[in-house]
Amino acid sequence: MRARRTLRHRSRIRMLPWRKRREIAGIRNVIIRGR
């Protein structure tokens, strides 16, 4: 289930512009680090 969710998020990030994509990647990194 977790892998499927990641794939869905990745496809959504691909649709977004590279600028917003970078912001989301940074937020995701922070969440992963906090966890």
Foldseek 3Di string as FASTA:
>chain_A
DVVVVVVVVVVVLVPDDVVVSVVVVVVVVVVVVVD
